[in-house]
Amino acid sequence: MNGPRQKAFLKAGLWTLLTSFFGLLQLWIVMVLSALILRSSFSLSDAVYQAMREGVVLFLVSAIVVTITIDYYFDKELQFPKWLTGVLFSAVPVIAMVVIAAAYSAVRLADSQSINENAAIRWQIWAFGVTFLYAVEVKYLTYLKHSVK
């Protein structure tokens, strides 16, 4: 990678990591409070599982996708080919919101025996992973376009 590409990639990665960190602040607070209050009975896996059970990750994923989309449409200087704009800023957000709604519904309905709770949690992990990659790629393209001006 050359200078502007490497800098754009690092900025995109940092944006995604910081957004994810602060977006999951509820999880970090619960973990710290649980560790301080429950010391011996605290379980990191239980804290993560409870957050997944409540759909915290899905709300983070939706916030990231919507933020990226709004940033693009408000940035009048940023132009991509029409097909890429359609895919990245129309199709992906719509598909993401449908998947998020389905996954959240599955998490909320997991008490019934027809829904596999582990499958619903796997959907959240998958959605977070795909969103993470999407965010890094779109932010990389955005920062690269702005640095090449």
N, C-alpha and C. Protein backbone atom coordinates (compact mmCIF):
# COMPACT_ATOMS: atom_id res chain seq x y z
N MET A 1 0.84 -1.19 0.00
CA MET A 1 0.00 0.00 0.00
C MET A 1 0.88 1.24 0.00
N ASN A 2 0.44 2.22 -0.76
CA ASN A 2 1.17 3.47 -0.73
C ASN A 2 0.59 4.40 0.32
N GLY A 3 1.12 5.60 0.46
CA GLY A 3 0.75 6.53 1.52
C GLY A 3 -0.73 6.82 1.70
N PRO A 4 -1.40 7.40 0.69
CA PRO A 4 -2.82 7.74 0.88
C PRO A 4 -3.71 6.52 1.11
N ARG A 5 -3.40 5.42 0.45
CA ARG A 5 -4.21 4.21 0.63
C ARG A 5 -4.06 3.66 2.05
N GLN A 6 -2.83 3.62 2.52
CA GLN A 6 -2.58 3.11 3.86
C GLN A 6 -3.23 4.01 4.91
N LYS A 7 -3.09 5.32 4.74
CA LYS A 7 -3.68 6.26 5.68
C LYS A 7 -5.21 6.14 5.68
N ALA A 8 -5.81 6.01 4.49
CA ALA A 8 -7.27 5.85 4.39
C ALA A 8 -7.72 4.56 5.06
N PHE A 9 -6.97 3.47 4.87
CA PHE A 9 -7.33 2.19 5.49
C PHE A 9 -7.22 2.27 7.01
N LEU A 10 -6.17 2.89 7.51
CA LEU A 10 -6.00 3.03 8.96
C LEU A 10 -7.11 3.90 9.56
N LYS A 11 -7.47 4.99 8.88
CA LYS A 11 -8.55 5.84 9.37
C LYS A 11 -9.88 5.08 9.36
N ALA A 12 -10.11 4.30 8.32
CA ALA A 12 -11.36 3.52 8.23
C ALA A 12 -11.42 2.48 9.34
N GLY A 13 -10.32 1.79 9.57
CA GLY A 13 -10.28 0.80 10.64
C GLY A 13 -10.48 1.43 12.00
N LEU A 14 -9.84 2.57 12.23
CA LEU A 14 -9.97 3.26 13.51
C LEU A 14 -11.40 3.76 13.71
N TRP A 15 -12.00 4.32 12.65
CA TRP A 15 -13.39 4.78 12.75
C TRP A 15 -14.31 3.63 13.14
N THR A 16 -14.12 2.48 12.49
CA THR A 16 -14.98 1.33 12.76
C THR A 16 -14.76 0.79 14.17
N LEU A 17 -13.51 0.68 14.60
CA LEU A 17 -13.22 0.19 15.94
C LEU A 17 -13.78 1.12 17.02
N LEU A 18 -13.57 2.42 16.87
CA LEU A 18 -14.07 3.36 17.87
C LEU A 18 -15.59 3.40 17.89
N THR A 19 -16.21 3.36 16.73
CA THR A 19 -17.66 3.35 16.66
C THR A 19 -18.21 2.09 17.33
N SER A 20 -17.57 0.96 17.08
CA SER A 20 -18.00 -0.30 17.71
C SER A 20 -17.79 -0.26 19.21
N PHE A 21 -16.64 0.26 19.64
CA PHE A 21 -16.35 0.33 21.07
C PHE A 21 -17.40 1.17 21.79
N PHE A 22 -17.64 2.37 21.30
CA PHE A 22 -18.60 3.26 21.97
C PHE A 22 -20.04 2.80 21.76
N GLY A 23 -20.30 2.14 20.64
CA GLY A 23 -21.63 1.60 20.40
C GLY A 23 -21.97 0.46 21.35
N LEU A 24 -20.95 -0.23 21.80
CA LEU A 24 -21.15 -1.34 22.75
C LEU A 24 -20.85 -0.91 24.19
N LEU A 25 -20.91 0.38 24.44
CA LEU A 25 -20.61 0.90 25.78
C LEU A 25 -21.47 0.26 26.86
N GLN A 26 -22.71 -0.02 26.54
CA GLN A 26 -23.59 -0.68 27.50
C GLN A 26 -22.98 -2.01 27.95
N LEU A 27 -22.44 -2.76 27.01
CA LEU A 27 -21.83 -4.04 27.33
C LEU A 27 -20.62 -3.85 28.24
N TRP A 28 -19.76 -2.87 27.94
CA TRP A 28 -18.57 -2.64 28.76
C TRP A 28 -18.96 -2.21 30.18
N ILE A 29 -19.97 -1.36 30.29
CA ILE A 29 -20.41 -0.91 31.61
C ILE A 29 -20.96 -2.08 32.42
N VAL A 30 -21.79 -2.90 31.80
CA VAL A 30 -22.35 -4.07 32.49
C VAL A 30 -21.23 -5.00 32.93
N MET A 31 -20.24 -5.20 32.07
CA MET A 31 -19.13 -6.09 32.43
C MET A 31 -18.33 -5.55 33.60
N VAL A 32 -18.02 -4.26 33.59
CA VAL A 32 -17.25 -3.66 34.68
C VAL A 32 -18.04 -3.69 35.99
N LEU A 33 -19.30 -3.28 35.92
CA LEU A 33 -20.12 -3.29 37.14
C LEU A 33 -20.30 -4.71 37.67
N SER A 34 -20.51 -5.65 36.78
CA SER A 34 -20.66 -7.04 37.21
C SER A 34 -19.38 -7.55 37.86
N ALA A 35 -18.25 -7.21 37.28
CA ALA A 35 -16.97 -7.65 37.83
C ALA A 35 -16.73 -7.03 39.21
N LEU A 36 -17.14 -5.77 39.37
CA LEU A 36 -16.91 -5.10 40.65
C LEU A 36 -17.89 -5.57 41.72
N ILE A 37 -19.13 -5.76 41.35
CA ILE A 37 -20.17 -6.12 42.31
C ILE A 37 -20.19 -7.62 42.58
N LEU A 38 -20.09 -8.41 41.53
CA LEU A 38 -20.24 -9.85 41.67
C LEU A 38 -18.92 -10.61 41.71
N ARG A 39 -17.84 -9.93 41.77
CA ARG A 39 -16.47 -10.43 41.68
C ARG A 39 -16.32 -11.92 41.39
N SER A 40 -16.69 -12.77 42.29
CA SER A 40 -16.41 -14.20 42.11
C SER A 40 -17.34 -14.88 41.11
N SER A 41 -18.56 -14.37 40.97
CA SER A 41 -19.50 -15.04 40.08
C SER A 41 -19.62 -14.38 38.70
N PHE A 42 -18.76 -13.40 38.41
CA PHE A 42 -18.81 -12.72 37.12
C PHE A 42 -18.32 -13.64 36.01
N SER A 43 -19.03 -13.64 34.92
CA SER A 43 -18.64 -14.43 33.76
C SER A 43 -18.73 -13.56 32.51
N LEU A 44 -17.60 -13.40 31.84
CA LEU A 44 -17.58 -12.61 30.61
C LEU A 44 -18.52 -13.19 29.57
N SER A 45 -18.52 -14.50 29.43
CA SER A 45 -19.40 -15.13 28.43
C SER A 45 -20.87 -14.90 28.78
N ASP A 46 -21.21 -14.90 30.07
CA ASP A 46 -22.60 -14.63 30.47
C ASP A 46 -22.99 -13.18 30.14
N ALA A 47 -22.06 -12.24 30.36
CA ALA A 47 -22.35 -10.83 30.06
C ALA A 47 -22.55 -10.62 28.57
N VAL A 48 -21.70 -11.22 27.77
CA VAL A 48 -21.83 -11.11 26.31
C VAL A 48 -23.11 -11.80 25.85
N TYR A 49 -23.38 -12.97 26.40
CA TYR A 49 -24.60 -13.70 26.03
C TYR A 49 -25.85 -12.88 26.36
N GLN A 50 -25.87 -12.25 27.53
CA GLN A 50 -27.04 -11.44 27.92
C GLN A 50 -27.21 -10.25 26.98
N ALA A 51 -26.11 -9.61 26.63
CA ALA A 51 -26.19 -8.48 25.69
C ALA A 51 -26.70 -8.94 24.33
N MET A 52 -26.25 -10.10 23.89
CA MET A 52 -26.72 -10.66 22.61
C MET A 52 -28.20 -11.01 22.73
N ARG A 53 -28.59 -11.52 23.85
CA ARG A 53 -29.99 -11.91 24.09
C ARG A 53 -30.92 -10.69 24.05
N GLU A 54 -30.38 -9.54 24.44
CA GLU A 54 -31.16 -8.31 24.44
C GLU A 54 -31.11 -7.59 23.10
N GLY A 55 -30.29 -8.07 22.16
CA GLY A 55 -30.22 -7.47 20.84
C GLY A 55 -29.36 -6.22 20.76
N VAL A 56 -28.46 -6.03 21.72
CA VAL A 56 -27.61 -4.84 21.76
C VAL A 56 -26.79 -4.72 20.47
N VAL A 57 -26.24 -5.82 20.01
CA VAL A 57 -25.39 -5.82 18.83
C VAL A 57 -26.18 -5.40 17.59
N LEU A 58 -27.43 -5.81 17.51
CA LEU A 58 -28.24 -5.46 16.35
C LEU A 58 -28.49 -3.96 16.26
N PHE A 59 -28.68 -3.32 17.41
CA PHE A 59 -28.88 -1.88 17.39
C PHE A 59 -27.60 -1.16 16.99
N LEU A 60 -26.45 -1.68 17.41
CA LEU A 60 -25.17 -1.12 16.99
C LEU A 60 -25.01 -1.26 15.47
N VAL A 61 -25.29 -2.44 14.96
CA VAL A 61 -25.17 -2.70 13.52
C VAL A 61 -26.06 -1.74 12.73
N SER A 62 -27.29 -1.57 13.16
CA SER A 62 -28.19 -0.67 12.44
C SER A 62 -27.68 0.77 12.51
N ALA A 63 -27.15 1.19 13.65
CA ALA A 63 -26.63 2.55 13.79
C ALA A 63 -25.43 2.77 12.87
N ILE A 64 -24.56 1.79 12.76
CA ILE A 64 -23.39 1.92 11.89
C ILE A 64 -23.82 2.03 10.42
N VAL A 65 -24.70 1.16 9.98
CA VAL A 65 -25.15 1.18 8.59
C VAL A 65 -25.85 2.50 8.26
N VAL A 66 -26.73 2.93 9.13
CA VAL A 66 -27.46 4.18 8.89
C VAL A 66 -26.51 5.38 8.91
N THR A 67 -25.56 5.39 9.83
CA THR A 67 -24.60 6.49 9.91
C THR A 67 -23.78 6.60 8.63
N ILE A 68 -23.30 5.48 8.13
CA ILE A 68 -22.52 5.48 6.89
C ILE A 68 -23.37 5.99 5.73
N THR A 69 -24.61 5.56 5.66
CA THR A 69 -25.50 5.98 4.58
C THR A 69 -25.78 7.48 4.65
N ILE A 70 -26.10 7.97 5.84
CA ILE A 70 -26.38 9.40 6.01
C ILE A 70 -25.13 10.23 5.71
N ASP A 71 -23.97 9.79 6.19
CA ASP A 71 -22.72 10.49 5.89
C ASP A 71 -22.52 10.64 4.39
N TYR A 72 -22.79 9.58 3.65
CA TYR A 72 -22.60 9.64 2.20
C TYR A 72 -23.55 10.64 1.57
N TYR A 73 -24.82 10.58 1.90
CA TYR A 73 -25.79 11.46 1.27
C TYR A 73 -25.62 12.93 1.68
N PHE A 74 -25.04 13.20 2.85
CA PHE A 74 -24.78 14.58 3.27
C PHE A 74 -23.48 15.14 2.70
N ASP A 75 -22.58 14.26 2.26
CA ASP A 75 -21.29 14.68 1.73
C ASP A 75 -21.44 14.97 0.24
N LYS A 76 -21.66 16.22 -0.10
CA LYS A 76 -21.92 16.61 -1.49
C LYS A 76 -20.69 16.47 -2.39
N GLU A 77 -19.50 16.43 -1.80
CA GLU A 77 -18.28 16.33 -2.59
C GLU A 77 -17.93 14.89 -2.97
N LEU A 78 -18.48 13.95 -2.27
CA LEU A 78 -18.14 12.55 -2.49
C LEU A 78 -19.01 11.95 -3.59
N GLN A 79 -18.39 11.48 -4.65
CA GLN A 79 -19.12 10.89 -5.77
C GLN A 79 -18.53 9.51 -6.09
N PHE A 80 -19.39 8.54 -6.23
CA PHE A 80 -19.02 7.21 -6.68
C PHE A 80 -19.81 6.91 -7.94
N PRO A 81 -19.39 5.89 -8.70
CA PRO A 81 -20.21 5.50 -9.85
C PRO A 81 -21.63 5.14 -9.39
N LYS A 82 -22.60 5.39 -10.27
CA LYS A 82 -24.00 5.21 -9.91
C LYS A 82 -24.29 3.78 -9.40
N TRP A 83 -23.73 2.77 -10.05
CA TRP A 83 -23.98 1.38 -9.64
C TRP A 83 -23.44 1.12 -8.24
N LEU A 84 -22.25 1.69 -7.94
CA LEU A 84 -21.65 1.49 -6.62
C LEU A 84 -22.46 2.20 -5.54
N THR A 85 -22.93 3.40 -5.85
CA THR A 85 -23.79 4.13 -4.92
C THR A 85 -25.07 3.33 -4.65
N GLY A 86 -25.65 2.76 -5.70
CA GLY A 86 -26.86 1.96 -5.53
C GLY A 86 -26.63 0.75 -4.63
N VAL A 87 -25.49 0.10 -4.81
CA VAL A 87 -25.19 -1.08 -4.00
C VAL A 87 -24.86 -0.69 -2.56
N LEU A 88 -23.88 0.21 -2.39
CA LEU A 88 -23.37 0.53 -1.05
C LEU A 88 -24.33 1.35 -0.20
N PHE A 89 -25.11 2.22 -0.83
CA PHE A 89 -25.89 3.16 -0.04
C PHE A 89 -27.39 3.02 -0.21
N SER A 90 -27.82 2.03 -0.96
CA SER A 90 -29.26 1.75 -1.08
C SER A 90 -29.53 0.28 -0.78
N ALA A 91 -28.92 -0.61 -1.58
CA ALA A 91 -29.20 -2.05 -1.42
C ALA A 91 -28.70 -2.59 -0.09
N VAL A 92 -27.45 -2.32 0.24
CA VAL A 92 -26.88 -2.85 1.50
C VAL A 92 -27.66 -2.37 2.72
N PRO A 93 -27.96 -1.06 2.84
CA PRO A 93 -28.74 -0.64 4.03
C PRO A 93 -30.12 -1.29 4.11
N VAL A 94 -30.81 -1.43 2.97
CA VAL A 94 -32.13 -2.06 3.00
C VAL A 94 -32.01 -3.52 3.41
N ILE A 95 -31.08 -4.24 2.81
CA ILE A 95 -30.88 -5.66 3.16
C ILE A 95 -30.48 -5.78 4.63
N ALA A 96 -29.59 -4.90 5.08
CA ALA A 96 -29.15 -4.94 6.48
C ALA A 96 -30.32 -4.73 7.43
N MET A 97 -31.18 -3.78 7.14
CA MET A 97 -32.32 -3.52 8.02
C MET A 97 -33.30 -4.70 8.05
N VAL A 98 -33.48 -5.37 6.92
CA VAL A 98 -34.35 -6.56 6.88
C VAL A 98 -33.74 -7.67 7.72
N VAL A 99 -32.43 -7.90 7.56
CA VAL A 99 -31.74 -8.95 8.33
C VAL A 99 -31.78 -8.61 9.82
N ILE A 100 -31.55 -7.34 10.16
CA ILE A 100 -31.55 -6.91 11.56
C ILE A 100 -32.95 -7.10 12.17
N ALA A 101 -33.98 -6.71 11.43
CA ALA A 101 -35.35 -6.88 11.93
C ALA A 101 -35.67 -8.36 12.14
N ALA A 102 -35.26 -9.20 11.20
CA ALA A 102 -35.51 -10.64 11.32
C ALA A 102 -34.73 -11.22 12.51
N ALA A 103 -33.47 -10.83 12.65
CA ALA A 103 -32.65 -11.35 13.75
C ALA A 103 -33.19 -10.88 15.10
N TYR A 104 -33.59 -9.61 15.18
CA TYR A 104 -34.13 -9.11 16.44
C TYR A 104 -35.44 -9.82 16.78
N SER A 105 -36.27 -10.03 15.78
CA SER A 105 -37.52 -10.76 16.01
C SER A 105 -37.22 -12.17 16.51
N ALA A 106 -36.22 -12.80 15.91
CA ALA A 106 -35.85 -14.16 16.34
C ALA A 106 -35.35 -14.17 17.78
N VAL A 107 -34.55 -13.14 18.14
CA VAL A 107 -34.04 -13.05 19.51
C VAL A 107 -35.20 -12.86 20.48
N ARG A 108 -36.14 -11.99 20.14
CA ARG A 108 -37.27 -11.71 21.03
C ARG A 108 -38.21 -12.90 21.13
N LEU A 109 -38.30 -13.70 20.07
CA LEU A 109 -39.20 -14.85 20.07
C LEU A 109 -38.50 -16.13 20.51
N ALA A 110 -37.24 -16.03 20.90
CA ALA A 110 -36.46 -17.21 21.23
C ALA A 110 -37.01 -17.99 22.42
N ASP A 111 -37.88 -17.37 23.21
CA ASP A 111 -38.46 -18.09 24.34
C ASP A 111 -39.39 -19.21 23.87
N SER A 112 -39.97 -19.01 22.69
CA SER A 112 -40.83 -20.07 22.17
C SER A 112 -39.93 -21.19 21.66
N GLN A 113 -40.45 -22.39 21.63
CA GLN A 113 -39.63 -23.54 21.26
C GLN A 113 -39.38 -23.63 19.77
N SER A 114 -40.06 -22.81 18.98
CA SER A 114 -39.87 -22.89 17.53
C SER A 114 -38.64 -22.11 17.06
N ILE A 115 -38.08 -21.29 17.92
CA ILE A 115 -36.92 -20.47 17.55
C ILE A 115 -35.70 -21.00 18.31
N ASN A 116 -34.62 -21.23 17.59
CA ASN A 116 -33.37 -21.66 18.19
C ASN A 116 -32.59 -20.42 18.63
N GLU A 117 -32.43 -20.24 19.92
CA GLU A 117 -31.75 -19.05 20.46
C GLU A 117 -30.31 -18.96 19.97
N ASN A 118 -29.61 -20.06 19.89
CA ASN A 118 -28.23 -20.04 19.42
C ASN A 118 -28.14 -19.58 17.97
N ALA A 119 -29.10 -19.98 17.16
CA ALA A 119 -29.12 -19.53 15.77
C ALA A 119 -29.35 -18.02 15.70
N ALA A 120 -30.23 -17.51 16.55
CA ALA A 120 -30.49 -16.07 16.58
C ALA A 120 -29.24 -15.30 16.99
N ILE A 121 -28.49 -15.84 17.91
CA ILE A 121 -27.26 -15.19 18.35
C ILE A 121 -26.19 -15.27 17.25
N ARG A 122 -26.13 -16.39 16.55
CA ARG A 122 -25.20 -16.51 15.42
C ARG A 122 -25.52 -15.47 14.34
N TRP A 123 -26.80 -15.20 14.11
CA TRP A 123 -27.20 -14.17 13.15
C TRP A 123 -26.62 -12.82 13.57
N GLN A 124 -26.65 -12.52 14.85
CA GLN A 124 -26.11 -11.25 15.33
C GLN A 124 -24.60 -11.17 15.10
N ILE A 125 -23.92 -12.26 15.38
CA ILE A 125 -22.47 -12.28 15.17
C ILE A 125 -22.16 -12.11 13.69
N TRP A 126 -22.91 -12.80 12.85
CA TRP A 126 -22.74 -12.68 11.40
C TRP A 126 -23.02 -11.24 10.96
N ALA A 127 -24.11 -10.66 11.44
CA ALA A 127 -24.47 -9.29 11.06
C ALA A 127 -23.40 -8.30 11.50
N PHE A 128 -22.85 -8.49 12.69
CA PHE A 128 -21.79 -7.60 13.16
C PHE A 128 -20.54 -7.74 12.29
N GLY A 129 -20.15 -8.96 11.98
CA GLY A 129 -18.97 -9.19 11.15
C GLY A 129 -19.10 -8.57 9.76
N VAL A 130 -20.23 -8.80 9.13
CA VAL A 130 -20.46 -8.24 7.79
C VAL A 130 -20.50 -6.71 7.86
N THR A 131 -21.15 -6.17 8.88
CA THR A 131 -21.22 -4.72 9.03
C THR A 131 -19.84 -4.12 9.29
N PHE A 132 -19.04 -4.81 10.07
CA PHE A 132 -17.67 -4.35 10.34
C PHE A 132 -16.89 -4.24 9.03
N LEU A 133 -16.98 -5.28 8.20
CA LEU A 133 -16.28 -5.26 6.90
C LEU A 133 -16.84 -4.16 6.00
N TYR A 134 -18.16 -4.02 5.97
CA TYR A 134 -18.82 -2.99 5.18
C TYR A 134 -18.35 -1.61 5.61
N ALA A 135 -18.31 -1.37 6.91
CA ALA A 135 -17.89 -0.06 7.42
C ALA A 135 -16.45 0.25 7.06
N VAL A 136 -15.57 -0.72 7.23
CA VAL A 136 -14.16 -0.49 6.90
C VAL A 136 -14.02 -0.19 5.40
N GLU A 137 -14.69 -0.95 4.57
CA GLU A 137 -14.58 -0.75 3.12
C GLU A 137 -15.14 0.60 2.69
N VAL A 138 -16.34 0.95 3.15
CA VAL A 138 -16.96 2.21 2.73
C VAL A 138 -16.17 3.40 3.28
N LYS A 139 -15.77 3.33 4.53
CA LYS A 139 -14.98 4.43 5.10
C LYS A 139 -13.62 4.53 4.41
N TYR A 140 -13.03 3.40 4.05
CA TYR A 140 -11.77 3.41 3.30
C TYR A 140 -11.96 4.14 1.97
N LEU A 141 -13.00 3.78 1.23
CA LEU A 141 -13.27 4.44 -0.05
C LEU A 141 -13.53 5.94 0.15
N THR A 142 -14.25 6.27 1.21
CA THR A 142 -14.56 7.67 1.50
C THR A 142 -13.30 8.46 1.81
N TYR A 143 -12.48 7.95 2.73
CA TYR A 143 -11.25 8.65 3.11
C TYR A 143 -10.27 8.72 1.94
N LEU A 144 -10.22 7.66 1.14
CA LEU A 144 -9.33 7.65 -0.02
C LEU A 144 -9.77 8.70 -1.03
N LYS A 145 -11.07 8.78 -1.30
CA LYS A 145 -11.58 9.80 -2.23
C LYS A 145 -11.26 11.21 -1.74
N HIS A 146 -11.41 11.45 -0.44
CA HIS A 146 -11.13 12.78 0.09
C HIS A 146 -9.63 13.11 0.08
N SER A 147 -8.78 12.11 0.20
CA SER A 147 -7.33 12.37 0.23
C SER A 147 -6.76 12.56 -1.18
N VAL A 148 -7.47 12.08 -2.19
CA VAL A 148 -6.97 12.16 -3.57
C VAL A 148 -7.34 13.47 -4.24
N LYS A 149 -8.26 14.22 -3.68
CA LYS A 149 -8.72 15.49 -4.28
C LYS A 149 -7.64 16.33 -4.83
